[in-house]
N, C-alpha and C. Protein backbone atom coordinates (compact mmCIF):
# COMPACT_ATOMS: atom_id res chain seq x y z
N MET A 1 4.72 -10.73 -19.23
CA MET A 1 4.03 -11.37 -18.12
C MET A 1 3.22 -10.34 -17.35
N LYS A 2 2.23 -10.84 -16.60
CA LYS A 2 1.44 -9.92 -15.78
C LYS A 2 1.08 -10.61 -14.47
N LEU A 3 0.95 -9.80 -13.43
CA LEU A 3 0.41 -10.29 -12.18
C LEU A 3 -1.10 -10.24 -12.31
N VAL A 4 -1.77 -11.37 -12.06
CA VAL A 4 -3.20 -11.44 -12.37
C VAL A 4 -3.93 -12.32 -11.38
N LEU A 5 -5.15 -11.92 -11.08
CA LEU A 5 -6.10 -12.75 -10.35
C LEU A 5 -7.29 -12.97 -11.29
N ASP A 6 -7.36 -14.18 -11.87
CA ASP A 6 -8.40 -14.50 -12.84
C ASP A 6 -9.63 -15.01 -12.09
N ARG A 7 -10.69 -14.22 -12.08
CA ARG A 7 -11.88 -14.57 -11.31
C ARG A 7 -12.65 -15.73 -11.95
N LYS A 8 -12.59 -15.86 -13.27
CA LYS A 8 -13.34 -16.92 -13.95
C LYS A 8 -12.65 -18.28 -13.79
N LEU A 9 -11.32 -18.29 -13.94
CA LEU A 9 -10.58 -19.55 -13.89
C LEU A 9 -10.00 -19.86 -12.51
N GLY A 10 -10.04 -18.88 -11.60
CA GLY A 10 -9.51 -19.10 -10.26
C GLY A 10 -7.99 -19.13 -10.21
N ILE A 11 -7.33 -18.48 -11.18
CA ILE A 11 -5.86 -18.47 -11.23
C ILE A 11 -5.33 -17.23 -10.53
N ASP A 12 -4.38 -17.43 -9.64
CA ASP A 12 -3.72 -16.32 -8.93
C ASP A 12 -2.24 -16.37 -9.30
N ARG A 13 -1.78 -15.45 -10.14
CA ARG A 13 -0.38 -15.44 -10.59
C ARG A 13 0.35 -14.32 -9.87
N PHE A 14 1.38 -14.67 -9.11
CA PHE A 14 2.08 -13.70 -8.28
C PHE A 14 3.58 -13.98 -8.26
N LEU A 15 4.33 -13.08 -7.65
CA LEU A 15 5.79 -13.22 -7.55
C LEU A 15 6.19 -13.83 -6.22
N THR A 16 7.17 -14.72 -6.25
CA THR A 16 7.75 -15.25 -5.01
C THR A 16 9.27 -15.12 -5.07
N SER A 17 9.89 -15.22 -3.90
CA SER A 17 11.35 -15.14 -3.84
C SER A 17 11.96 -16.53 -4.00
N TRP A 18 13.26 -16.54 -4.31
CA TRP A 18 14.04 -17.77 -4.25
C TRP A 18 14.37 -18.08 -2.79
N ARG A 19 14.80 -19.32 -2.54
CA ARG A 19 15.20 -19.69 -1.19
C ARG A 19 16.53 -19.04 -0.81
N SER A 20 17.40 -18.85 -1.79
CA SER A 20 18.67 -18.14 -1.58
C SER A 20 19.13 -17.63 -2.94
N ALA A 21 20.29 -16.96 -2.96
CA ALA A 21 20.79 -16.42 -4.23
C ALA A 21 21.09 -17.53 -5.24
N GLU A 22 21.39 -18.74 -4.77
CA GLU A 22 21.73 -19.86 -5.65
C GLU A 22 20.61 -20.89 -5.78
N ASP A 23 19.65 -20.89 -4.85
CA ASP A 23 18.63 -21.93 -4.81
C ASP A 23 17.29 -21.35 -5.24
N PRO A 24 16.77 -21.78 -6.42
CA PRO A 24 15.51 -21.21 -6.92
C PRO A 24 14.26 -21.81 -6.29
N GLY A 25 14.41 -22.61 -5.23
CA GLY A 25 13.23 -23.13 -4.54
C GLY A 25 12.43 -22.01 -3.89
N PHE A 26 11.14 -22.26 -3.63
CA PHE A 26 10.28 -21.23 -3.06
C PHE A 26 10.72 -20.86 -1.64
N ARG A 27 10.61 -19.55 -1.35
CA ARG A 27 10.73 -19.08 0.03
C ARG A 27 9.42 -18.39 0.39
N ASP A 28 9.32 -17.82 1.57
CA ASP A 28 8.05 -17.32 2.07
C ASP A 28 7.66 -15.94 1.53
N PHE A 29 8.59 -15.18 0.96
CA PHE A 29 8.26 -13.83 0.52
C PHE A 29 7.50 -13.86 -0.80
N SER A 30 6.46 -13.03 -0.88
CA SER A 30 5.67 -12.99 -2.11
C SER A 30 5.00 -11.63 -2.26
N VAL A 31 4.65 -11.30 -3.51
CA VAL A 31 3.88 -10.10 -3.83
C VAL A 31 2.67 -10.55 -4.63
N ARG A 32 1.49 -10.18 -4.16
CA ARG A 32 0.27 -10.60 -4.84
C ARG A 32 -0.82 -9.55 -4.69
N ILE A 33 -1.84 -9.66 -5.53
CA ILE A 33 -2.97 -8.73 -5.50
C ILE A 33 -3.94 -9.16 -4.40
N ASN A 34 -4.32 -8.20 -3.57
CA ASN A 34 -5.42 -8.41 -2.63
C ASN A 34 -6.67 -7.80 -3.27
N PRO A 35 -7.66 -8.63 -3.64
CA PRO A 35 -8.79 -8.12 -4.41
C PRO A 35 -9.88 -7.48 -3.56
N ASN A 36 -9.78 -7.57 -2.24
CA ASN A 36 -10.87 -7.10 -1.38
C ASN A 36 -10.94 -5.57 -1.35
N GLY A 37 -12.15 -5.05 -1.24
CA GLY A 37 -12.33 -3.60 -1.20
C GLY A 37 -11.85 -2.98 -2.50
N SER A 38 -10.95 -2.02 -2.37
CA SER A 38 -10.30 -1.44 -3.54
C SER A 38 -8.95 -2.14 -3.69
N PRO A 39 -8.71 -2.87 -4.79
CA PRO A 39 -7.54 -3.74 -4.90
C PRO A 39 -6.21 -3.02 -4.66
N GLN A 40 -5.28 -3.74 -4.05
CA GLN A 40 -3.94 -3.22 -3.79
C GLN A 40 -2.98 -4.39 -3.75
N PHE A 41 -1.69 -4.11 -3.91
CA PHE A 41 -0.67 -5.15 -3.79
C PHE A 41 -0.21 -5.26 -2.35
N PHE A 42 -0.01 -6.50 -1.91
CA PHE A 42 0.58 -6.75 -0.60
C PHE A 42 1.89 -7.52 -0.77
N PHE A 43 2.87 -7.15 0.03
CA PHE A 43 4.14 -7.86 0.10
C PHE A 43 4.10 -8.67 1.40
N TYR A 44 4.17 -10.00 1.28
CA TYR A 44 3.97 -10.89 2.42
C TYR A 44 5.25 -11.63 2.80
N ASN A 45 5.34 -11.94 4.08
CA ASN A 45 6.26 -12.97 4.58
C ASN A 45 5.36 -14.09 5.09
N GLY A 46 5.20 -15.14 4.29
CA GLY A 46 4.19 -16.14 4.60
C GLY A 46 2.82 -15.49 4.41
N LYS A 47 2.03 -15.46 5.48
CA LYS A 47 0.72 -14.80 5.43
C LYS A 47 0.73 -13.45 6.12
N LYS A 48 1.89 -13.06 6.65
CA LYS A 48 1.99 -11.79 7.37
C LYS A 48 2.35 -10.66 6.41
N PRO A 49 1.54 -9.59 6.34
CA PRO A 49 1.86 -8.47 5.44
C PRO A 49 3.07 -7.69 5.93
N ILE A 50 4.00 -7.41 5.02
CA ILE A 50 5.18 -6.61 5.34
C ILE A 50 4.95 -5.16 4.92
N SER A 51 4.43 -4.97 3.72
CA SER A 51 4.13 -3.63 3.22
C SER A 51 3.05 -3.76 2.15
N ARG A 52 2.59 -2.63 1.64
CA ARG A 52 1.53 -2.66 0.64
C ARG A 52 1.68 -1.47 -0.30
N SER A 53 1.00 -1.56 -1.43
CA SER A 53 0.92 -0.43 -2.36
C SER A 53 -0.26 0.44 -1.98
N PRO A 54 -0.36 1.65 -2.54
CA PRO A 54 -1.62 2.39 -2.42
C PRO A 54 -2.72 1.60 -3.12
N PRO A 55 -3.99 1.78 -2.73
CA PRO A 55 -5.08 1.10 -3.44
C PRO A 55 -5.29 1.67 -4.82
N TRP A 56 -5.94 0.88 -5.68
CA TRP A 56 -6.27 1.31 -7.03
C TRP A 56 -7.30 2.42 -6.97
N PRO A 57 -7.30 3.41 -7.88
CA PRO A 57 -6.39 3.55 -9.04
C PRO A 57 -5.05 4.18 -8.66
N TRP A 58 -3.99 3.76 -9.39
CA TRP A 58 -2.65 4.24 -9.11
C TRP A 58 -2.20 5.22 -10.19
N ARG A 59 -1.06 5.85 -9.91
CA ARG A 59 -0.42 6.65 -10.97
C ARG A 59 0.03 5.71 -12.07
N SER A 60 -0.14 6.13 -13.32
CA SER A 60 0.21 5.24 -14.43
C SER A 60 1.68 5.33 -14.82
N GLN A 61 2.34 6.44 -14.51
CA GLN A 61 3.75 6.62 -14.89
C GLN A 61 4.60 6.67 -13.63
N MET A 62 5.60 5.77 -13.54
CA MET A 62 6.46 5.73 -12.37
C MET A 62 7.91 5.72 -12.83
N GLY A 63 8.43 6.89 -13.22
CA GLY A 63 9.82 6.96 -13.62
C GLY A 63 10.06 6.25 -14.94
N LEU A 64 10.86 5.18 -14.91
CA LEU A 64 11.24 4.50 -16.14
C LEU A 64 10.10 3.70 -16.77
N TYR A 65 9.12 3.30 -15.99
CA TYR A 65 8.11 2.41 -16.55
C TYR A 65 6.69 2.93 -16.34
N LYS A 66 5.81 2.44 -17.20
CA LYS A 66 4.41 2.84 -17.16
C LYS A 66 3.56 1.65 -16.74
N SER A 67 2.69 1.86 -15.75
CA SER A 67 1.85 0.78 -15.24
C SER A 67 0.47 0.82 -15.85
N THR A 68 -0.09 -0.37 -16.05
CA THR A 68 -1.48 -0.50 -16.48
C THR A 68 -2.17 -1.44 -15.51
N PHE A 69 -3.28 -1.00 -14.95
CA PHE A 69 -4.02 -1.82 -13.99
C PHE A 69 -5.46 -1.94 -14.46
N VAL A 70 -5.97 -3.17 -14.49
CA VAL A 70 -7.32 -3.44 -14.94
C VAL A 70 -8.07 -4.19 -13.84
N ASN A 71 -9.27 -3.71 -13.54
CA ASN A 71 -10.12 -4.35 -12.54
C ASN A 71 -11.51 -4.48 -13.15
N ASP A 72 -11.84 -5.68 -13.64
CA ASP A 72 -13.15 -5.89 -14.25
C ASP A 72 -13.75 -7.19 -13.72
N PRO A 73 -14.98 -7.54 -14.09
CA PRO A 73 -15.62 -8.73 -13.51
C PRO A 73 -14.87 -10.04 -13.77
N ASP A 74 -14.07 -10.12 -14.83
CA ASP A 74 -13.37 -11.36 -15.15
C ASP A 74 -12.03 -11.50 -14.46
N GLU A 75 -11.30 -10.40 -14.31
CA GLU A 75 -9.94 -10.49 -13.75
C GLU A 75 -9.46 -9.15 -13.23
N ILE A 76 -8.47 -9.25 -12.36
CA ILE A 76 -7.71 -8.08 -11.90
C ILE A 76 -6.27 -8.35 -12.30
N TYR A 77 -5.65 -7.41 -13.01
CA TYR A 77 -4.25 -7.64 -13.37
C TYR A 77 -3.48 -6.34 -13.48
N TRP A 78 -2.15 -6.48 -13.40
CA TRP A 78 -1.22 -5.36 -13.51
C TRP A 78 -0.09 -5.75 -14.44
N VAL A 79 0.23 -4.87 -15.38
CA VAL A 79 1.39 -5.05 -16.26
C VAL A 79 2.16 -3.74 -16.31
N TYR A 80 3.43 -3.82 -16.69
CA TYR A 80 4.20 -2.59 -16.88
C TYR A 80 4.90 -2.64 -18.23
N THR A 81 5.12 -1.47 -18.79
CA THR A 81 5.87 -1.34 -20.03
C THR A 81 6.95 -0.29 -19.83
N VAL A 82 8.02 -0.41 -20.60
CA VAL A 82 9.13 0.54 -20.54
C VAL A 82 9.13 1.32 -21.85
N PRO A 83 8.67 2.58 -21.84
CA PRO A 83 8.56 3.35 -23.10
C PRO A 83 9.88 3.55 -23.82
N ASP A 84 10.97 3.66 -23.08
CA ASP A 84 12.28 3.91 -23.67
C ASP A 84 12.98 2.58 -23.95
N ASP A 85 13.14 2.24 -25.23
CA ASP A 85 13.72 0.95 -25.61
C ASP A 85 15.18 0.78 -25.20
N SER A 86 15.83 1.85 -24.78
CA SER A 86 17.23 1.74 -24.40
C SER A 86 17.40 1.14 -23.00
N TYR A 87 16.29 0.94 -22.28
CA TYR A 87 16.36 0.38 -20.92
C TYR A 87 15.79 -1.04 -20.90
N LEU A 88 16.45 -1.90 -20.13
CA LEU A 88 15.90 -3.20 -19.77
C LEU A 88 15.55 -3.15 -18.29
N LEU A 89 14.39 -3.67 -17.92
CA LEU A 89 13.93 -3.55 -16.55
C LEU A 89 13.22 -4.82 -16.14
N ARG A 90 13.43 -5.24 -14.89
CA ARG A 90 12.68 -6.38 -14.36
C ARG A 90 12.35 -6.16 -12.89
N ILE A 91 11.33 -6.83 -12.43
CA ILE A 91 10.87 -6.71 -11.04
C ILE A 91 10.97 -8.09 -10.40
N ILE A 92 11.57 -8.14 -9.20
CA ILE A 92 11.76 -9.41 -8.50
C ILE A 92 11.42 -9.26 -7.02
N VAL A 93 11.17 -10.40 -6.38
CA VAL A 93 11.13 -10.46 -4.92
C VAL A 93 12.44 -11.12 -4.50
N ASP A 94 13.26 -10.37 -3.80
CA ASP A 94 14.58 -10.84 -3.40
C ASP A 94 14.48 -11.82 -2.23
N HIS A 95 15.40 -12.78 -2.17
CA HIS A 95 15.38 -13.78 -1.10
C HIS A 95 15.61 -13.17 0.29
N SER A 96 16.16 -11.95 0.34
CA SER A 96 16.41 -11.30 1.63
C SER A 96 15.16 -10.58 2.16
N GLY A 97 14.10 -10.54 1.36
CA GLY A 97 12.87 -9.91 1.81
C GLY A 97 12.67 -8.51 1.29
N LEU A 98 13.09 -8.24 0.06
CA LEU A 98 12.89 -6.93 -0.55
C LEU A 98 12.22 -7.09 -1.91
N LEU A 99 11.31 -6.19 -2.23
CA LEU A 99 10.77 -6.08 -3.57
C LEU A 99 11.65 -5.11 -4.33
N LYS A 100 12.19 -5.54 -5.50
CA LYS A 100 13.17 -4.73 -6.21
C LYS A 100 12.78 -4.52 -7.67
N VAL A 101 13.06 -3.32 -8.16
CA VAL A 101 13.04 -3.03 -9.59
C VAL A 101 14.50 -2.88 -10.02
N LEU A 102 14.90 -3.66 -11.02
CA LEU A 102 16.29 -3.68 -11.47
C LEU A 102 16.39 -3.19 -12.91
N THR A 103 17.46 -2.47 -13.22
CA THR A 103 17.75 -2.07 -14.59
C THR A 103 19.09 -2.66 -15.01
N TRP A 104 19.22 -2.94 -16.31
CA TRP A 104 20.45 -3.54 -16.85
C TRP A 104 21.47 -2.46 -17.16
N ARG A 105 22.68 -2.64 -16.63
CA ARG A 105 23.76 -1.69 -16.87
C ARG A 105 24.71 -2.28 -17.90
N GLU A 106 24.68 -1.72 -19.10
CA GLU A 106 25.45 -2.27 -20.21
C GLU A 106 26.95 -2.17 -19.96
N SER A 107 27.39 -1.14 -19.23
CA SER A 107 28.82 -0.90 -19.06
C SER A 107 29.55 -2.06 -18.39
N ASP A 108 28.90 -2.72 -17.43
CA ASP A 108 29.56 -3.84 -16.75
C ASP A 108 28.73 -5.13 -16.78
N GLY A 109 27.62 -5.12 -17.53
CA GLY A 109 26.82 -6.33 -17.65
C GLY A 109 26.20 -6.78 -16.34
N GLN A 110 25.71 -5.84 -15.54
CA GLN A 110 25.13 -6.17 -14.24
C GLN A 110 23.73 -5.56 -14.11
N TRP A 111 22.89 -6.25 -13.31
CA TRP A 111 21.61 -5.66 -12.94
C TRP A 111 21.82 -4.72 -11.77
N LYS A 112 21.27 -3.51 -11.86
CA LYS A 112 21.47 -2.46 -10.86
C LYS A 112 20.13 -2.13 -10.21
N ASP A 113 20.14 -1.92 -8.87
CA ASP A 113 18.92 -1.54 -8.17
C ASP A 113 18.44 -0.18 -8.65
N TYR A 114 17.18 -0.14 -9.09
CA TYR A 114 16.55 1.13 -9.46
C TYR A 114 15.63 1.61 -8.35
N TRP A 115 14.96 0.66 -7.69
CA TRP A 115 14.02 0.97 -6.62
C TRP A 115 13.86 -0.28 -5.78
N LYS A 116 13.64 -0.13 -4.47
CA LYS A 116 13.38 -1.29 -3.63
C LYS A 116 12.54 -0.88 -2.42
N ALA A 117 11.86 -1.86 -1.86
CA ALA A 117 11.02 -1.61 -0.68
C ALA A 117 10.82 -2.95 0.06
N PRO A 118 10.58 -2.90 1.36
CA PRO A 118 10.57 -1.71 2.22
C PRO A 118 11.99 -1.27 2.57
N VAL A 119 12.16 0.03 2.71
CA VAL A 119 13.46 0.61 3.07
C VAL A 119 13.33 1.44 4.35
N PHE A 120 12.30 2.28 4.39
CA PHE A 120 12.11 3.18 5.53
C PHE A 120 11.12 2.59 6.53
N GLN A 121 11.18 3.08 7.76
CA GLN A 121 10.27 2.60 8.80
C GLN A 121 8.81 2.71 8.36
N CYS A 122 8.47 3.83 7.72
CA CYS A 122 7.08 4.06 7.32
C CYS A 122 6.63 3.15 6.18
N ASP A 123 7.55 2.41 5.56
CA ASP A 123 7.16 1.45 4.53
C ASP A 123 6.47 0.23 5.12
N TYR A 124 6.70 -0.03 6.40
CA TYR A 124 6.23 -1.28 7.00
C TYR A 124 4.76 -1.21 7.38
N TYR A 125 4.06 -2.29 7.08
CA TYR A 125 2.62 -2.35 7.25
C TYR A 125 2.23 -2.21 8.73
N GLY A 126 1.30 -1.29 9.01
CA GLY A 126 0.74 -1.16 10.35
C GLY A 126 1.68 -0.63 11.40
N LEU A 127 2.77 0.01 11.00
CA LEU A 127 3.74 0.49 11.99
C LEU A 127 3.09 1.42 13.00
N CYS A 128 2.20 2.28 12.52
CA CYS A 128 1.58 3.27 13.40
C CYS A 128 0.11 2.97 13.70
N GLY A 129 -0.41 1.85 13.26
CA GLY A 129 -1.76 1.46 13.62
C GLY A 129 -2.84 2.26 12.91
N ALA A 130 -4.09 2.02 13.32
CA ALA A 130 -5.26 2.60 12.67
C ALA A 130 -5.39 4.09 12.96
N TYR A 131 -5.95 4.82 12.00
CA TYR A 131 -6.27 6.25 12.13
C TYR A 131 -5.05 7.10 12.48
N SER A 132 -3.94 6.77 11.87
CA SER A 132 -2.71 7.51 12.13
C SER A 132 -1.97 7.76 10.83
N THR A 133 -0.94 8.58 10.89
CA THR A 133 -0.04 8.77 9.78
C THR A 133 1.38 8.45 10.24
N CYS A 134 2.22 8.14 9.28
CA CYS A 134 3.63 7.88 9.57
C CYS A 134 4.45 8.82 8.71
N GLU A 135 5.29 9.60 9.33
CA GLU A 135 6.07 10.62 8.63
C GLU A 135 7.55 10.41 8.88
N LEU A 136 8.31 10.33 7.77
CA LEU A 136 9.76 10.18 7.91
C LEU A 136 10.33 11.40 8.63
N ALA A 137 11.12 11.16 9.62
CA ALA A 137 11.66 12.26 10.43
C ALA A 137 13.05 11.88 10.90
N ASN A 138 13.71 12.79 11.59
CA ASN A 138 15.02 12.46 12.13
C ASN A 138 14.86 11.49 13.31
N HIS A 139 15.97 10.90 13.73
CA HIS A 139 15.91 9.83 14.71
C HIS A 139 15.45 10.29 16.09
N ASN A 140 15.43 11.59 16.32
CA ASN A 140 15.00 12.10 17.62
C ASN A 140 13.49 12.31 17.71
N ARG A 141 12.78 12.11 16.61
CA ARG A 141 11.36 12.39 16.58
C ARG A 141 10.57 11.14 16.26
N PHE A 142 9.49 10.90 17.00
CA PHE A 142 8.60 9.76 16.77
C PHE A 142 7.85 9.97 15.47
N GLU A 143 7.85 8.95 14.59
CA GLU A 143 7.29 9.13 13.25
C GLU A 143 5.77 9.03 13.19
N CYS A 144 5.11 8.51 14.24
CA CYS A 144 3.66 8.31 14.21
C CYS A 144 2.91 9.53 14.74
N ALA A 145 1.76 9.83 14.13
CA ALA A 145 0.90 10.92 14.59
C ALA A 145 -0.55 10.53 14.30
N CYS A 146 -1.46 10.95 15.17
CA CYS A 146 -2.88 10.66 14.97
C CYS A 146 -3.47 11.62 13.94
N LEU A 147 -4.44 11.13 13.19
CA LEU A 147 -5.17 12.00 12.27
C LEU A 147 -5.98 13.03 13.05
N PRO A 148 -6.34 14.16 12.42
CA PRO A 148 -7.15 15.16 13.11
C PRO A 148 -8.44 14.55 13.66
N GLY A 149 -8.76 14.86 14.92
CA GLY A 149 -9.95 14.31 15.56
C GLY A 149 -9.72 13.00 16.27
N PHE A 150 -8.47 12.51 16.26
CA PHE A 150 -8.15 11.24 16.92
C PHE A 150 -7.01 11.44 17.92
N GLU A 151 -6.88 10.49 18.84
CA GLU A 151 -5.84 10.54 19.86
C GLU A 151 -5.29 9.13 20.08
N PRO A 152 -4.08 8.99 20.63
CA PRO A 152 -3.51 7.66 20.82
C PRO A 152 -4.42 6.75 21.65
N LYS A 153 -4.54 5.51 21.21
CA LYS A 153 -5.36 4.55 21.95
C LYS A 153 -4.72 4.25 23.30
N TYR A 154 -3.40 4.10 23.30
CA TYR A 154 -2.67 3.86 24.55
C TYR A 154 -1.54 4.88 24.66
N PRO A 155 -1.80 6.04 25.29
CA PRO A 155 -0.78 7.11 25.36
C PRO A 155 0.55 6.67 25.94
N LEU A 156 0.51 5.77 26.93
CA LEU A 156 1.77 5.33 27.55
C LEU A 156 2.65 4.61 26.54
N GLU A 157 2.04 3.80 25.67
CA GLU A 157 2.83 3.10 24.66
C GLU A 157 3.40 4.08 23.64
N TRP A 158 2.62 5.10 23.28
CA TRP A 158 3.12 6.12 22.36
C TRP A 158 4.30 6.86 22.96
N SER A 159 4.29 7.04 24.28
CA SER A 159 5.41 7.74 24.92
C SER A 159 6.69 6.93 24.84
N THR A 160 6.57 5.62 24.61
CA THR A 160 7.75 4.76 24.43
C THR A 160 8.00 4.47 22.95
N ARG A 161 7.38 5.26 22.07
CA ARG A 161 7.54 5.15 20.62
C ARG A 161 7.02 3.83 20.06
N ASP A 162 5.93 3.35 20.61
CA ASP A 162 5.24 2.19 20.06
C ASP A 162 3.84 2.65 19.65
N GLY A 163 3.64 2.87 18.35
CA GLY A 163 2.34 3.34 17.86
C GLY A 163 1.52 2.27 17.18
N SER A 164 1.87 0.99 17.38
CA SER A 164 1.25 -0.08 16.61
C SER A 164 -0.24 -0.26 16.91
N ASP A 165 -0.70 0.19 18.07
CA ASP A 165 -2.12 0.07 18.40
C ASP A 165 -2.94 1.25 17.88
N GLY A 166 -2.28 2.22 17.30
CA GLY A 166 -2.98 3.28 16.59
C GLY A 166 -3.72 4.27 17.46
N CYS A 167 -4.74 4.86 16.85
CA CYS A 167 -5.47 5.97 17.47
C CYS A 167 -6.96 5.66 17.51
N VAL A 168 -7.67 6.39 18.37
CA VAL A 168 -9.12 6.25 18.48
C VAL A 168 -9.74 7.65 18.39
N ARG A 169 -11.02 7.69 18.02
CA ARG A 169 -11.72 8.96 17.93
C ARG A 169 -11.73 9.65 19.29
N LYS A 170 -11.49 10.95 19.28
CA LYS A 170 -11.53 11.71 20.54
C LYS A 170 -12.92 11.64 21.14
N ARG A 171 -12.97 11.58 22.46
CA ARG A 171 -14.25 11.50 23.15
C ARG A 171 -15.08 12.75 22.92
N LEU A 172 -16.36 12.51 22.61
CA LEU A 172 -17.29 13.63 22.45
C LEU A 172 -18.11 13.80 23.72
N GLN A 173 -18.70 14.95 23.88
CA GLN A 173 -19.53 15.20 25.05
C GLN A 173 -20.85 14.43 24.97
N THR A 174 -21.15 13.92 23.80
CA THR A 174 -22.38 13.15 23.60
C THR A 174 -22.01 11.81 22.98
N SER A 175 -22.89 10.84 23.11
CA SER A 175 -22.60 9.51 22.55
C SER A 175 -22.79 9.48 21.04
N SER A 176 -23.48 10.49 20.49
CA SER A 176 -23.73 10.51 19.05
C SER A 176 -22.49 10.99 18.30
N LEU A 177 -22.17 10.33 17.19
CA LEU A 177 -21.03 10.73 16.36
C LEU A 177 -21.44 11.76 15.32
N CYS A 178 -22.74 11.81 15.02
CA CYS A 178 -23.19 12.63 13.90
C CYS A 178 -23.75 13.98 14.34
N GLN A 179 -23.91 14.85 13.34
CA GLN A 179 -24.48 16.18 13.56
C GLN A 179 -23.62 17.03 14.49
N HIS A 180 -22.30 16.89 14.37
CA HIS A 180 -21.39 17.72 15.17
C HIS A 180 -20.40 18.44 14.27
N GLY A 181 -20.90 18.85 13.10
CA GLY A 181 -20.05 19.61 12.19
C GLY A 181 -19.03 18.76 11.46
N GLU A 182 -19.34 17.47 11.26
CA GLU A 182 -18.39 16.59 10.57
C GLU A 182 -18.19 17.07 9.14
N GLY A 183 -17.01 16.79 8.62
CA GLY A 183 -16.69 17.20 7.26
C GLY A 183 -15.39 16.56 6.83
N PHE A 184 -14.68 17.19 5.92
CA PHE A 184 -13.46 16.61 5.39
C PHE A 184 -12.27 17.51 5.68
N VAL A 185 -11.16 16.90 6.06
CA VAL A 185 -9.92 17.61 6.35
C VAL A 185 -8.88 17.14 5.34
N LYS A 186 -8.18 18.09 4.75
CA LYS A 186 -7.15 17.74 3.78
C LYS A 186 -5.90 17.24 4.51
N VAL A 187 -5.48 16.03 4.18
CA VAL A 187 -4.26 15.44 4.75
C VAL A 187 -3.32 15.19 3.58
N GLU A 188 -2.17 15.85 3.56
CA GLU A 188 -1.29 15.80 2.40
C GLU A 188 -0.09 14.87 2.60
N ASN A 189 0.49 14.46 1.46
CA ASN A 189 1.75 13.71 1.43
C ASN A 189 1.68 12.37 2.15
N VAL A 190 0.55 11.70 2.02
CA VAL A 190 0.42 10.34 2.56
C VAL A 190 -0.18 9.45 1.47
N ILE A 191 0.08 8.14 1.56
CA ILE A 191 -0.60 7.23 0.63
C ILE A 191 -2.00 6.98 1.17
N LEU A 192 -2.90 6.55 0.28
CA LEU A 192 -4.28 6.31 0.69
C LEU A 192 -4.35 5.17 1.70
N PRO A 193 -5.36 5.18 2.57
CA PRO A 193 -5.44 4.17 3.63
C PRO A 193 -5.60 2.76 3.09
N GLU A 194 -5.32 1.79 3.95
CA GLU A 194 -5.54 0.39 3.65
C GLU A 194 -7.01 0.19 3.29
N SER A 195 -7.26 -0.49 2.17
CA SER A 195 -8.61 -0.48 1.59
C SER A 195 -9.29 -1.84 1.52
N SER A 196 -8.75 -2.84 2.23
CA SER A 196 -9.34 -4.19 2.14
C SER A 196 -10.79 -4.22 2.61
N ASP A 197 -11.14 -3.37 3.57
CA ASP A 197 -12.51 -3.36 4.10
C ASP A 197 -13.32 -2.18 3.59
N SER A 198 -12.82 -1.49 2.58
CA SER A 198 -13.52 -0.31 2.09
C SER A 198 -14.75 -0.72 1.28
N ALA A 199 -15.73 0.16 1.25
CA ALA A 199 -16.94 -0.08 0.46
C ALA A 199 -16.70 0.35 -0.98
N TRP A 200 -17.10 -0.49 -1.91
CA TRP A 200 -16.91 -0.17 -3.32
C TRP A 200 -18.02 0.76 -3.79
N VAL A 201 -17.66 1.84 -4.46
CA VAL A 201 -18.64 2.81 -4.93
C VAL A 201 -18.53 2.96 -6.44
N ASP A 202 -19.51 3.63 -7.00
CA ASP A 202 -19.53 3.89 -8.43
C ASP A 202 -18.38 4.82 -8.79
N MET A 203 -17.43 4.33 -9.61
CA MET A 203 -16.23 5.10 -9.93
C MET A 203 -16.53 6.31 -10.81
N SER A 204 -17.75 6.38 -11.36
CA SER A 204 -18.10 7.53 -12.20
C SER A 204 -18.57 8.72 -11.36
N LYS A 205 -18.71 8.53 -10.06
CA LYS A 205 -19.18 9.62 -9.21
C LYS A 205 -18.13 10.72 -9.11
N SER A 206 -18.62 11.95 -8.98
CA SER A 206 -17.71 13.08 -8.78
C SER A 206 -17.25 13.11 -7.33
N ARG A 207 -16.25 13.94 -7.04
CA ARG A 207 -15.77 14.08 -5.67
C ARG A 207 -16.89 14.61 -4.76
N ALA A 208 -17.70 15.56 -5.29
CA ALA A 208 -18.81 16.11 -4.50
C ALA A 208 -19.84 15.02 -4.18
N ASP A 209 -20.13 14.14 -5.16
CA ASP A 209 -21.08 13.05 -4.93
C ASP A 209 -20.56 12.10 -3.84
N CYS A 210 -19.26 11.83 -3.89
CA CYS A 210 -18.66 10.94 -2.88
C CYS A 210 -18.75 11.57 -1.49
N GLU A 211 -18.56 12.88 -1.43
CA GLU A 211 -18.64 13.58 -0.14
C GLU A 211 -20.03 13.46 0.45
N VAL A 212 -21.06 13.62 -0.39
CA VAL A 212 -22.44 13.48 0.08
C VAL A 212 -22.69 12.07 0.57
N GLU A 213 -22.19 11.07 -0.18
CA GLU A 213 -22.39 9.66 0.19
C GLU A 213 -21.74 9.36 1.54
N CYS A 214 -20.54 9.87 1.75
CA CYS A 214 -19.85 9.62 3.01
C CYS A 214 -20.58 10.26 4.19
N LYS A 215 -21.11 11.45 3.99
CA LYS A 215 -21.76 12.17 5.09
C LYS A 215 -23.09 11.51 5.51
N ARG A 216 -23.62 10.64 4.65
CA ARG A 216 -24.83 9.92 5.03
C ARG A 216 -24.56 8.91 6.14
N ASN A 217 -23.28 8.51 6.26
CA ASN A 217 -22.90 7.60 7.34
C ASN A 217 -21.62 8.15 7.96
N CYS A 218 -21.77 9.11 8.87
CA CYS A 218 -20.60 9.83 9.34
C CYS A 218 -19.73 9.00 10.30
N SER A 219 -20.20 7.80 10.69
CA SER A 219 -19.38 6.97 11.56
C SER A 219 -18.28 6.27 10.78
């Protein structure tokens, strides 16, 4: 099976949860492809996003299984394969509101959790708002931080550990955003930003070409 959005036939095939552990009726939790911008998976409660994947392109190898993602004019789809035949693996949306990858344990004939999400605070969609990062930390430290060149939109709310309104660009001495030494800053150990509103570019471009394209519109 594959998760697919068929552009020609208008078919959207996605995962949903059961109503309970015993009742296979539909519940509100679902995982589906968001085709806007650079495609990504969203985990929803009804229409409200709970979490998301990084945008395409993704890593093709994720531990036990290998992912294949195709984005062409006819369809967008994702499938996975398990290279090692000694493993059985399935992916479900649990009725409690978790996306799970399960493996079969032959010793006791049970499905065992291999991976699940969301688990950590930073897994949740929009926890820290726009232009920010979320970093797992100990309970004494606020996990949200503004990207370089940005500051909290509402500092008072950040002081109470509410970063949901995110960050805004730091005030400049001039109203112009451009021609002030803009460039690129390396930000490590984060997933790529939410891409639903991103502009689609030629994927054959080099990193240097993309840098030039971005600098033409520094806002």
